[in-house]
Amino acid sequence: MSVVLNAGEINRALRRISHEILEKNHGSADVLLLGIPTRGAFLSKRIAGDINEIEKTSIPVGTLDITMYRDDLRMRPPRTLLPTEIPSGGIDGKHVVLVDDVFYSGRTIRAALDALNEIGRPKSVQLAVLIDRGHRELPIRADFVGKNIPTSKDESVKVHLAEIDGSDAVTIEGRDGK
């Protein structure tokens, strides 16, 4: 197992992503963050905190559970549905930024786009990820990336966050867990 990002590097990456979101959207007006549970939800709250500090505003943040929209439901063990929490203003006409921890095949984001279609019609949908590890299977790319980490398919990228795991780090592990 090797550490590829420590706590300070994660914070700097999220701060940079926050600035890039503001730059692309010409400020925070009409921007809404939706984190994909589990770790994407915590990352979206951190990014919202950074944006709020930079802009002296309060950006809406929510969560989007995509479990029922996945195309691999029958191939995985059942999992508990997590709440989808859409801020009170909804997503119609907003610049929705989906936030996730690791971007791999693109299938999670495809499911998120399907879920969004049932909720409303945003002005735009953007994607922010802490780690992009490559190996895309669908023509989807992230707008905001904390770090690109080329990996083999035999490796696994693990994001550890203080809110869940007690400390912040991103590690790469081999198939054998090392």
N, C-alpha and C. Protein backbone atom coordinates (compact mmCIF):
# COMPACT_ATOMS: atom_id res chain seq x y z
N MET A 1 0.85 -1.18 0.00
CA MET A 1 0.00 0.00 0.00
C MET A 1 0.89 1.24 0.00
N SER A 2 0.59 2.17 -0.88
CA SER A 2 1.36 3.41 -0.89
C SER A 2 0.42 4.61 -0.79
N VAL A 3 0.83 5.59 -0.01
CA VAL A 3 0.05 6.81 0.16
C VAL A 3 0.39 7.74 -1.00
N VAL A 4 -0.65 8.15 -1.76
CA VAL A 4 -0.42 9.05 -2.89
C VAL A 4 -0.87 10.48 -2.59
N LEU A 5 -1.74 10.65 -1.60
CA LEU A 5 -2.12 11.99 -1.13
C LEU A 5 -2.27 11.93 0.39
N ASN A 6 -1.65 12.88 1.07
CA ASN A 6 -1.85 12.98 2.52
C ASN A 6 -2.93 14.03 2.80
N ALA A 7 -3.20 14.27 4.06
CA ALA A 7 -4.27 15.20 4.44
C ALA A 7 -4.08 16.59 3.86
N GLY A 8 -2.88 17.11 3.94
CA GLY A 8 -2.61 18.45 3.41
C GLY A 8 -2.81 18.52 1.91
N GLU A 9 -2.37 17.48 1.21
CA GLU A 9 -2.52 17.45 -0.24
C GLU A 9 -3.99 17.32 -0.65
N ILE A 10 -4.77 16.57 0.11
CA ILE A 10 -6.21 16.47 -0.15
C ILE A 10 -6.86 17.84 0.02
N ASN A 11 -6.52 18.53 1.11
CA ASN A 11 -7.09 19.87 1.36
C ASN A 11 -6.72 20.84 0.25
N ARG A 12 -5.46 20.82 -0.21
CA ARG A 12 -5.05 21.70 -1.29
C ARG A 12 -5.78 21.37 -2.59
N ALA A 13 -5.95 20.09 -2.88
CA ALA A 13 -6.66 19.68 -4.10
C ALA A 13 -8.11 20.15 -4.06
N LEU A 14 -8.77 20.00 -2.91
CA LEU A 14 -10.16 20.44 -2.79
C LEU A 14 -10.27 21.96 -2.88
N ARG A 15 -9.30 22.66 -2.33
CA ARG A 15 -9.31 24.12 -2.41
C ARG A 15 -9.15 24.57 -3.87
N ARG A 16 -8.25 23.90 -4.60
CA ARG A 16 -8.06 24.21 -6.01
C ARG A 16 -9.33 23.92 -6.81
N ILE A 17 -9.97 22.78 -6.56
CA ILE A 17 -11.22 22.44 -7.22
C ILE A 17 -12.27 23.51 -6.94
N SER A 18 -12.33 24.00 -5.71
CA SER A 18 -13.29 25.04 -5.35
C SER A 18 -13.07 26.30 -6.18
N HIS A 19 -11.82 26.71 -6.31
CA HIS A 19 -11.50 27.89 -7.13
C HIS A 19 -11.86 27.65 -8.60
N GLU A 20 -11.59 26.44 -9.10
CA GLU A 20 -11.90 26.13 -10.50
C GLU A 20 -13.41 26.14 -10.75
N ILE A 21 -14.18 25.64 -9.80
CA ILE A 21 -15.65 25.68 -9.93
C ILE A 21 -16.13 27.13 -10.02
N LEU A 22 -15.60 27.98 -9.16
CA LEU A 22 -15.99 29.39 -9.17
C LEU A 22 -15.58 30.07 -10.48
N GLU A 23 -14.38 29.75 -10.95
CA GLU A 23 -13.90 30.35 -12.19
C GLU A 23 -14.75 29.91 -13.38
N LYS A 24 -15.03 28.64 -13.49
CA LYS A 24 -15.81 28.13 -14.64
C LYS A 24 -17.23 28.68 -14.64
N ASN A 25 -17.82 28.87 -13.46
CA ASN A 25 -19.21 29.30 -13.35
C ASN A 25 -19.35 30.79 -13.08
N HIS A 26 -18.25 31.54 -13.16
CA HIS A 26 -18.25 32.99 -12.96
C HIS A 26 -18.85 33.35 -11.60
N GLY A 27 -18.42 32.64 -10.58
CA GLY A 27 -18.91 32.87 -9.22
C GLY A 27 -19.78 31.72 -8.76
N SER A 28 -20.45 31.93 -7.64
CA SER A 28 -21.22 30.84 -7.03
C SER A 28 -22.73 30.92 -7.29
N ALA A 29 -23.18 31.96 -7.99
CA ALA A 29 -24.62 32.09 -8.26
C ALA A 29 -25.09 30.90 -9.08
N ASP A 30 -26.18 30.30 -8.68
CA ASP A 30 -26.81 29.17 -9.36
C ASP A 30 -25.97 27.89 -9.36
N VAL A 31 -24.93 27.83 -8.53
CA VAL A 31 -24.13 26.61 -8.41
C VAL A 31 -24.68 25.79 -7.24
N LEU A 32 -24.82 24.50 -7.46
CA LEU A 32 -25.32 23.58 -6.46
C LEU A 32 -24.43 22.33 -6.48
N LEU A 33 -23.98 21.89 -5.34
CA LEU A 33 -23.12 20.70 -5.25
C LEU A 33 -23.95 19.50 -4.80
N LEU A 34 -23.79 18.39 -5.49
CA LEU A 34 -24.43 17.13 -5.10
C LEU A 34 -23.35 16.07 -4.95
N GLY A 35 -23.14 15.61 -3.72
CA GLY A 35 -22.17 14.57 -3.47
C GLY A 35 -22.77 13.20 -3.65
N ILE A 36 -21.99 12.30 -4.23
CA ILE A 36 -22.43 10.92 -4.41
C ILE A 36 -21.94 10.13 -3.19
N PRO A 37 -22.89 9.60 -2.39
CA PRO A 37 -22.49 8.88 -1.17
C PRO A 37 -21.58 7.70 -1.51
N THR A 38 -20.64 7.42 -0.66
CA THR A 38 -20.55 7.96 0.68
C THR A 38 -19.52 9.09 0.72
N ARG A 39 -18.34 8.85 0.22
CA ARG A 39 -17.27 9.83 0.37
C ARG A 39 -17.49 11.09 -0.47
N GLY A 40 -18.17 10.98 -1.58
CA GLY A 40 -18.48 12.17 -2.38
C GLY A 40 -19.34 13.16 -1.63
N ALA A 41 -20.20 12.66 -0.74
CA ALA A 41 -21.05 13.54 0.06
C ALA A 41 -20.20 14.38 1.01
N PHE A 42 -19.20 13.76 1.62
CA PHE A 42 -18.32 14.51 2.54
C PHE A 42 -17.42 15.46 1.78
N LEU A 43 -16.94 15.03 0.62
CA LEU A 43 -16.10 15.91 -0.19
C LEU A 43 -16.88 17.13 -0.67
N SER A 44 -18.15 16.94 -1.04
CA SER A 44 -18.96 18.08 -1.49
C SER A 44 -19.15 19.10 -0.37
N LYS A 45 -19.31 18.62 0.86
CA LYS A 45 -19.44 19.55 2.00
C LYS A 45 -18.14 20.32 2.22
N ARG A 46 -17.02 19.66 2.04
CA ARG A 46 -15.73 20.36 2.19
C ARG A 46 -15.55 21.41 1.09
N ILE A 47 -15.91 21.05 -0.15
CA ILE A 47 -15.79 22.01 -1.25
C ILE A 47 -16.75 23.18 -1.01
N ALA A 48 -17.95 22.89 -0.56
CA ALA A 48 -18.90 23.97 -0.25
C ALA A 48 -18.34 24.89 0.82
N GLY A 49 -17.70 24.31 1.82
CA GLY A 49 -17.08 25.14 2.87
C GLY A 49 -16.01 26.05 2.31
N ASP A 50 -15.19 25.52 1.40
CA ASP A 50 -14.16 26.35 0.77
C ASP A 50 -14.78 27.46 -0.07
N ILE A 51 -15.80 27.12 -0.86
CA ILE A 51 -16.46 28.12 -1.70
C ILE A 51 -17.12 29.18 -0.83
N ASN A 52 -17.77 28.77 0.24
CA ASN A 52 -18.41 29.72 1.14
C ASN A 52 -17.38 30.67 1.75
N GLU A 53 -16.22 30.15 2.08
CA GLU A 53 -15.16 30.98 2.65
C GLU A 53 -14.61 31.95 1.61
N ILE A 54 -14.43 31.49 0.39
CA ILE A 54 -13.89 32.33 -0.68
C ILE A 54 -14.89 33.42 -1.07
N GLU A 55 -16.14 33.03 -1.28
CA GLU A 55 -17.16 33.93 -1.80
C GLU A 55 -17.97 34.66 -0.73
N LYS A 56 -17.79 34.27 0.54
CA LYS A 56 -18.59 34.83 1.63
C LYS A 56 -20.08 34.67 1.34
N THR A 57 -20.45 33.44 1.01
CA THR A 57 -21.83 33.11 0.65
C THR A 57 -22.16 31.74 1.23
N SER A 58 -23.33 31.25 0.93
CA SER A 58 -23.72 29.92 1.37
C SER A 58 -24.21 29.14 0.14
N ILE A 59 -23.38 28.27 -0.36
CA ILE A 59 -23.71 27.49 -1.56
C ILE A 59 -24.52 26.26 -1.15
N PRO A 60 -25.60 25.97 -1.88
CA PRO A 60 -26.40 24.79 -1.52
C PRO A 60 -25.67 23.48 -1.82
N VAL A 61 -25.84 22.54 -0.93
CA VAL A 61 -25.18 21.23 -1.06
C VAL A 61 -26.18 20.14 -0.71
N GLY A 62 -26.10 19.04 -1.43
CA GLY A 62 -26.99 17.91 -1.17
C GLY A 62 -26.29 16.61 -1.52
N THR A 63 -27.07 15.53 -1.53
CA THR A 63 -26.53 14.22 -1.89
C THR A 63 -27.43 13.58 -2.94
N LEU A 64 -26.83 12.69 -3.72
CA LEU A 64 -27.55 12.00 -4.77
C LEU A 64 -27.18 10.52 -4.72
N ASP A 65 -28.09 9.70 -4.18
CA ASP A 65 -27.84 8.26 -4.14
C ASP A 65 -28.22 7.67 -5.50
N ILE A 66 -27.26 7.00 -6.11
CA ILE A 66 -27.46 6.47 -7.47
C ILE A 66 -27.65 4.95 -7.49
N THR A 67 -27.78 4.35 -6.33
CA THR A 67 -27.82 2.89 -6.23
C THR A 67 -28.81 2.26 -7.20
N MET A 68 -30.03 2.73 -7.25
CA MET A 68 -31.06 2.10 -8.08
C MET A 68 -30.89 2.39 -9.57
N TYR A 69 -29.93 3.24 -9.93
CA TYR A 69 -29.70 3.58 -11.33
C TYR A 69 -28.46 2.88 -11.89
N ARG A 70 -27.78 2.10 -11.06
CA ARG A 70 -26.57 1.40 -11.49
C ARG A 70 -26.92 0.29 -12.47
N ASP A 71 -26.02 0.03 -13.40
CA ASP A 71 -26.26 -1.05 -14.36
C ASP A 71 -25.67 -2.38 -13.89
N ASP A 72 -25.11 -2.40 -12.68
CA ASP A 72 -24.51 -3.63 -12.16
C ASP A 72 -25.20 -4.10 -10.88
N LEU A 73 -26.44 -3.69 -10.67
CA LEU A 73 -27.16 -4.06 -9.45
C LEU A 73 -27.22 -5.57 -9.24
N ARG A 74 -27.49 -6.30 -10.29
CA ARG A 74 -27.64 -7.75 -10.14
C ARG A 74 -26.30 -8.46 -9.94
N MET A 75 -25.19 -7.76 -10.18
CA MET A 75 -23.87 -8.38 -10.03
C MET A 75 -23.23 -8.08 -8.69
N ARG A 76 -23.87 -7.23 -7.88
CA ARG A 76 -23.31 -6.83 -6.59
C ARG A 76 -24.23 -7.27 -5.47
N PRO A 77 -23.66 -7.43 -4.28
CA PRO A 77 -24.53 -7.73 -3.15
C PRO A 77 -25.44 -6.53 -2.85
N PRO A 78 -26.63 -6.79 -2.29
CA PRO A 78 -27.53 -5.68 -1.99
C PRO A 78 -26.87 -4.68 -1.03
N ARG A 79 -27.20 -3.41 -1.21
CA ARG A 79 -26.66 -2.40 -0.31
C ARG A 79 -27.78 -1.48 0.13
N THR A 80 -27.59 -0.91 1.28
CA THR A 80 -28.58 0.00 1.84
C THR A 80 -28.68 1.26 1.00
N LEU A 81 -29.89 1.68 0.71
CA LEU A 81 -30.08 2.93 0.00
C LEU A 81 -29.77 4.08 0.95
N LEU A 82 -29.10 5.06 0.44
CA LEU A 82 -28.78 6.25 1.23
C LEU A 82 -29.70 7.37 0.78
N PRO A 83 -29.92 8.34 1.63
CA PRO A 83 -30.88 9.39 1.24
C PRO A 83 -30.35 10.29 0.12
N THR A 84 -31.25 10.63 -0.79
CA THR A 84 -30.97 11.69 -1.75
C THR A 84 -31.55 12.95 -1.13
N GLU A 85 -30.72 13.95 -0.97
CA GLU A 85 -31.14 15.22 -0.36
C GLU A 85 -30.88 16.35 -1.34
N ILE A 86 -31.93 16.86 -1.92
CA ILE A 86 -31.83 17.96 -2.87
C ILE A 86 -32.16 19.25 -2.11
N PRO A 87 -31.29 20.26 -2.21
CA PRO A 87 -31.58 21.54 -1.53
C PRO A 87 -32.94 22.10 -1.94
N SER A 88 -33.52 22.89 -1.09
CA SER A 88 -34.90 23.36 -1.25
C SER A 88 -35.17 24.06 -2.58
N GLY A 89 -34.19 24.69 -3.18
CA GLY A 89 -34.41 25.38 -4.46
C GLY A 89 -34.46 24.44 -5.65
N GLY A 90 -34.21 23.15 -5.45
CA GLY A 90 -34.21 22.19 -6.55
C GLY A 90 -33.01 22.34 -7.46
N ILE A 91 -33.02 21.60 -8.57
CA ILE A 91 -31.89 21.64 -9.49
C ILE A 91 -32.22 22.34 -10.80
N ASP A 92 -33.48 22.65 -11.03
CA ASP A 92 -33.86 23.30 -12.29
C ASP A 92 -33.13 24.63 -12.47
N GLY A 93 -32.48 24.77 -13.64
CA GLY A 93 -31.79 26.01 -13.97
C GLY A 93 -30.49 26.22 -13.22
N LYS A 94 -30.03 25.25 -12.48
CA LYS A 94 -28.79 25.38 -11.70
C LYS A 94 -27.62 24.74 -12.42
N HIS A 95 -26.42 25.19 -12.06
CA HIS A 95 -25.19 24.53 -12.48
C HIS A 95 -24.91 23.48 -11.41
N VAL A 96 -25.27 22.23 -11.70
CA VAL A 96 -25.10 21.15 -10.74
C VAL A 96 -23.69 20.58 -10.89
N VAL A 97 -22.96 20.54 -9.79
CA VAL A 97 -21.65 19.93 -9.77
C VAL A 97 -21.76 18.63 -8.98
N LEU A 98 -21.62 17.50 -9.69
CA LEU A 98 -21.59 16.20 -9.03
C LEU A 98 -20.21 16.02 -8.43
N VAL A 99 -20.14 15.50 -7.21
CA VAL A 99 -18.85 15.33 -6.54
C VAL A 99 -18.72 13.86 -6.14
N ASP A 100 -17.58 13.27 -6.52
CA ASP A 100 -17.29 11.88 -6.14
C ASP A 100 -15.83 11.77 -5.76
N ASP A 101 -15.50 10.66 -5.11
CA ASP A 101 -14.12 10.49 -4.65
C ASP A 101 -13.20 9.97 -5.75
N VAL A 102 -13.55 8.84 -6.37
CA VAL A 102 -12.68 8.22 -7.38
C VAL A 102 -13.47 8.04 -8.67
N PHE A 103 -12.90 8.48 -9.76
CA PHE A 103 -13.48 8.34 -11.09
C PHE A 103 -12.76 7.21 -11.79
N TYR A 104 -13.51 6.20 -12.21
CA TYR A 104 -12.90 5.00 -12.79
C TYR A 104 -13.52 4.72 -14.15
N SER A 105 -14.55 3.92 -14.22
CA SER A 105 -15.12 3.51 -15.50
C SER A 105 -16.07 4.56 -16.09
N GLY A 106 -16.67 5.37 -15.24
CA GLY A 106 -17.67 6.35 -15.68
C GLY A 106 -19.09 5.87 -15.44
N ARG A 107 -19.25 4.65 -15.00
CA ARG A 107 -20.59 4.08 -14.82
C ARG A 107 -21.35 4.72 -13.66
N THR A 108 -20.67 5.08 -12.60
CA THR A 108 -21.33 5.76 -11.48
C THR A 108 -21.90 7.09 -11.94
N ILE A 109 -21.14 7.81 -12.74
CA ILE A 109 -21.60 9.13 -13.20
C ILE A 109 -22.74 8.97 -14.21
N ARG A 110 -22.70 7.94 -15.03
CA ARG A 110 -23.83 7.67 -15.93
C ARG A 110 -25.10 7.44 -15.12
N ALA A 111 -24.97 6.68 -14.04
CA ALA A 111 -26.12 6.44 -13.16
C ALA A 111 -26.58 7.75 -12.52
N ALA A 112 -25.64 8.60 -12.14
CA ALA A 112 -25.99 9.89 -11.53
C ALA A 112 -26.74 10.77 -12.52
N LEU A 113 -26.35 10.75 -13.77
CA LEU A 113 -27.05 11.52 -14.79
C LEU A 113 -28.48 11.02 -14.96
N ASP A 114 -28.66 9.70 -14.93
CA ASP A 114 -30.01 9.14 -15.00
C ASP A 114 -30.85 9.59 -13.81
N ALA A 115 -30.25 9.55 -12.62
CA ALA A 115 -30.97 9.97 -11.41
C ALA A 115 -31.36 11.44 -11.49
N LEU A 116 -30.45 12.29 -11.99
CA LEU A 116 -30.75 13.72 -12.12
C LEU A 116 -31.93 13.97 -13.05
N ASN A 117 -32.02 13.18 -14.12
CA ASN A 117 -33.12 13.35 -15.08
C ASN A 117 -34.49 13.18 -14.42
N GLU A 118 -34.56 12.38 -13.39
CA GLU A 118 -35.84 12.18 -12.70
C GLU A 118 -36.15 13.29 -11.70
N ILE A 119 -35.15 14.08 -11.36
CA ILE A 119 -35.32 15.12 -10.34
C ILE A 119 -35.65 16.47 -10.97
N GLY A 120 -35.05 16.76 -12.10
CA GLY A 120 -35.26 18.07 -12.70
C GLY A 120 -34.36 18.27 -13.90
N ARG A 121 -34.29 19.54 -14.32
CA ARG A 121 -33.50 19.88 -15.49
C ARG A 121 -32.50 20.99 -15.15
N PRO A 122 -31.27 20.60 -14.84
CA PRO A 122 -30.26 21.63 -14.53
C PRO A 122 -29.81 22.39 -15.79
N LYS A 123 -29.26 23.58 -15.56
CA LYS A 123 -28.70 24.37 -16.67
C LYS A 123 -27.47 23.67 -17.23
N SER A 124 -26.65 23.11 -16.33
CA SER A 124 -25.48 22.34 -16.74
C SER A 124 -25.16 21.34 -15.63
N VAL A 125 -24.45 20.28 -16.02
CA VAL A 125 -23.96 19.30 -15.06
C VAL A 125 -22.46 19.20 -15.24
N GLN A 126 -21.75 19.37 -14.14
CA GLN A 126 -20.30 19.28 -14.14
C GLN A 126 -19.89 18.21 -13.15
N LEU A 127 -18.65 17.75 -13.28
CA LEU A 127 -18.17 16.68 -12.43
C LEU A 127 -16.86 17.08 -11.76
N ALA A 128 -16.83 16.93 -10.44
CA ALA A 128 -15.60 17.16 -9.65
C ALA A 128 -15.25 15.85 -8.95
N VAL A 129 -14.00 15.41 -9.12
CA VAL A 129 -13.54 14.19 -8.46
C VAL A 129 -12.20 14.45 -7.80
N LEU A 130 -11.99 13.79 -6.67
CA LEU A 130 -10.70 13.91 -6.01
C LEU A 130 -9.63 13.17 -6.80
N ILE A 131 -9.95 11.96 -7.26
CA ILE A 131 -8.98 11.12 -7.98
C ILE A 131 -9.58 10.65 -9.30
N ASP A 132 -8.82 10.81 -10.38
CA ASP A 132 -9.18 10.20 -11.67
C ASP A 132 -8.11 9.15 -11.95
N ARG A 133 -8.53 7.88 -11.95
CA ARG A 133 -7.57 6.80 -12.11
C ARG A 133 -7.53 6.22 -13.51
N GLY A 134 -8.33 6.77 -14.44
CA GLY A 134 -8.32 6.27 -15.81
C GLY A 134 -9.23 5.07 -15.99
N HIS A 135 -9.04 4.35 -17.07
CA HIS A 135 -9.78 3.12 -17.40
C HIS A 135 -11.24 3.39 -17.75
N ARG A 136 -11.51 4.49 -18.42
CA ARG A 136 -12.88 4.85 -18.77
C ARG A 136 -13.51 3.82 -19.69
N GLU A 137 -14.75 3.49 -19.42
CA GLU A 137 -15.54 2.60 -20.27
C GLU A 137 -16.64 3.37 -21.00
N LEU A 138 -16.91 4.58 -20.56
CA LEU A 138 -17.94 5.42 -21.17
C LEU A 138 -17.32 6.78 -21.51
N PRO A 139 -17.86 7.48 -22.50
CA PRO A 139 -17.28 8.77 -22.90
C PRO A 139 -17.69 9.90 -21.95
N ILE A 140 -17.21 9.81 -20.74
CA ILE A 140 -17.49 10.80 -19.70
C ILE A 140 -16.15 11.25 -19.13
N ARG A 141 -16.01 12.54 -18.88
CA ARG A 141 -14.77 13.03 -18.26
C ARG A 141 -15.10 14.02 -17.16
N ALA A 142 -14.17 14.18 -16.25
CA ALA A 142 -14.36 15.11 -15.13
C ALA A 142 -13.96 16.52 -15.55
N ASP A 143 -14.72 17.49 -15.05
CA ASP A 143 -14.38 18.90 -15.28
C ASP A 143 -13.32 19.38 -14.31
N PHE A 144 -13.35 18.83 -13.10
CA PHE A 144 -12.44 19.26 -12.03
C PHE A 144 -11.84 18.02 -11.39
N VAL A 145 -10.51 17.93 -11.39
CA VAL A 145 -9.82 16.75 -10.88
C VAL A 145 -8.77 17.17 -9.87
N GLY A 146 -8.83 16.54 -8.69
CA GLY A 146 -7.81 16.81 -7.68
C GLY A 146 -6.46 16.27 -8.09
N LYS A 147 -6.43 15.00 -8.54
CA LYS A 147 -5.18 14.39 -8.98
C LYS A 147 -5.49 13.24 -9.92
N ASN A 148 -4.75 13.19 -11.03
CA ASN A 148 -4.80 12.05 -11.95
C ASN A 148 -3.78 11.03 -11.46
N ILE A 149 -4.24 9.81 -11.24
CA ILE A 149 -3.35 8.75 -10.77
C ILE A 149 -3.53 7.55 -11.69
N PRO A 150 -2.63 7.41 -12.68
CA PRO A 150 -2.73 6.24 -13.55
C PRO A 150 -2.52 4.97 -12.73
N THR A 151 -3.40 4.01 -12.91
CA THR A 151 -3.32 2.76 -12.16
C THR A 151 -3.50 1.58 -13.11
N SER A 152 -3.14 0.43 -12.62
CA SER A 152 -3.47 -0.78 -13.37
C SER A 152 -4.83 -1.26 -12.88
N LYS A 153 -5.45 -2.13 -13.64
CA LYS A 153 -6.76 -2.65 -13.23
C LYS A 153 -6.64 -3.57 -12.03
N ASP A 154 -5.42 -4.01 -11.72
CA ASP A 154 -5.20 -4.86 -10.56
C ASP A 154 -5.04 -4.07 -9.27
N GLU A 155 -4.98 -2.76 -9.39
CA GLU A 155 -4.82 -1.91 -8.21
C GLU A 155 -6.16 -1.32 -7.79
N SER A 156 -6.22 -0.89 -6.56
CA SER A 156 -7.42 -0.28 -6.01
C SER A 156 -7.04 1.04 -5.35
N VAL A 157 -7.78 2.09 -5.65
CA VAL A 157 -7.55 3.39 -5.02
C VAL A 157 -8.53 3.53 -3.87
N LYS A 158 -8.02 3.81 -2.69
CA LYS A 158 -8.84 3.96 -1.50
C LYS A 158 -8.72 5.40 -0.99
N VAL A 159 -9.87 6.05 -0.82
CA VAL A 159 -9.91 7.40 -0.25
C VAL A 159 -10.36 7.25 1.20
N HIS A 160 -9.53 7.73 2.10
CA HIS A 160 -9.84 7.70 3.53
C HIS A 160 -10.13 9.14 3.96
N LEU A 161 -11.28 9.35 4.58
CA LEU A 161 -11.66 10.68 5.04
C LEU A 161 -11.87 10.67 6.54
N ALA A 162 -11.49 11.76 7.18
CA ALA A 162 -11.58 11.86 8.64
C ALA A 162 -13.00 11.62 9.13
N GLU A 163 -13.99 12.07 8.38
CA GLU A 163 -15.38 11.93 8.81
C GLU A 163 -15.81 10.46 8.95
N ILE A 164 -15.19 9.57 8.21
CA ILE A 164 -15.56 8.15 8.21
C ILE A 164 -14.44 7.29 8.80
N ASP A 165 -13.22 7.58 8.36
CA ASP A 165 -12.08 6.70 8.64
C ASP A 165 -11.15 7.21 9.74
N GLY A 166 -11.38 8.42 10.23
CA GLY A 166 -10.54 8.96 11.29
C GLY A 166 -9.37 9.80 10.82
N SER A 167 -8.97 9.67 9.55
CA SER A 167 -7.89 10.50 9.01
C SER A 167 -8.04 10.58 7.50
N ASP A 168 -7.35 11.56 6.91
CA ASP A 168 -7.41 11.77 5.47
C ASP A 168 -6.17 11.19 4.80
N ALA A 169 -6.38 10.42 3.74
CA ALA A 169 -5.30 9.91 2.91
C ALA A 169 -5.90 9.24 1.69
N VAL A 170 -5.13 9.19 0.63
CA VAL A 170 -5.49 8.40 -0.54
C VAL A 170 -4.37 7.39 -0.73
N THR A 171 -4.76 6.12 -0.83
CA THR A 171 -3.77 5.05 -0.98
C THR A 171 -4.07 4.22 -2.22
N ILE A 172 -3.03 3.57 -2.71
CA ILE A 172 -3.18 2.58 -3.79
C ILE A 172 -2.79 1.25 -3.20
N GLU A 173 -3.65 0.27 -3.41
CA GLU A 173 -3.39 -1.08 -2.92
C GLU A 173 -3.43 -2.05 -4.08
N GLY A 174 -2.61 -3.08 -3.99
CA GLY A 174 -2.65 -4.15 -4.97
C GLY A 174 -3.82 -5.06 -4.66
N ARG A 175 -4.03 -6.03 -5.50
CA ARG A 175 -5.13 -6.97 -5.33
C ARG A 175 -5.04 -7.71 -3.99
N ASP A 176 -3.82 -7.89 -3.52
CA ASP A 176 -3.61 -8.60 -2.25
C ASP A 176 -3.72 -7.69 -1.04
N GLY A 177 -4.12 -6.43 -1.26
CA GLY A 177 -4.29 -5.47 -0.15
C GLY A 177 -3.01 -4.78 0.27
N LYS A 178 -1.94 -4.96 -0.49
CA LYS A 178 -0.65 -4.32 -0.15
C LYS A 178 -0.26 -3.31 -1.19
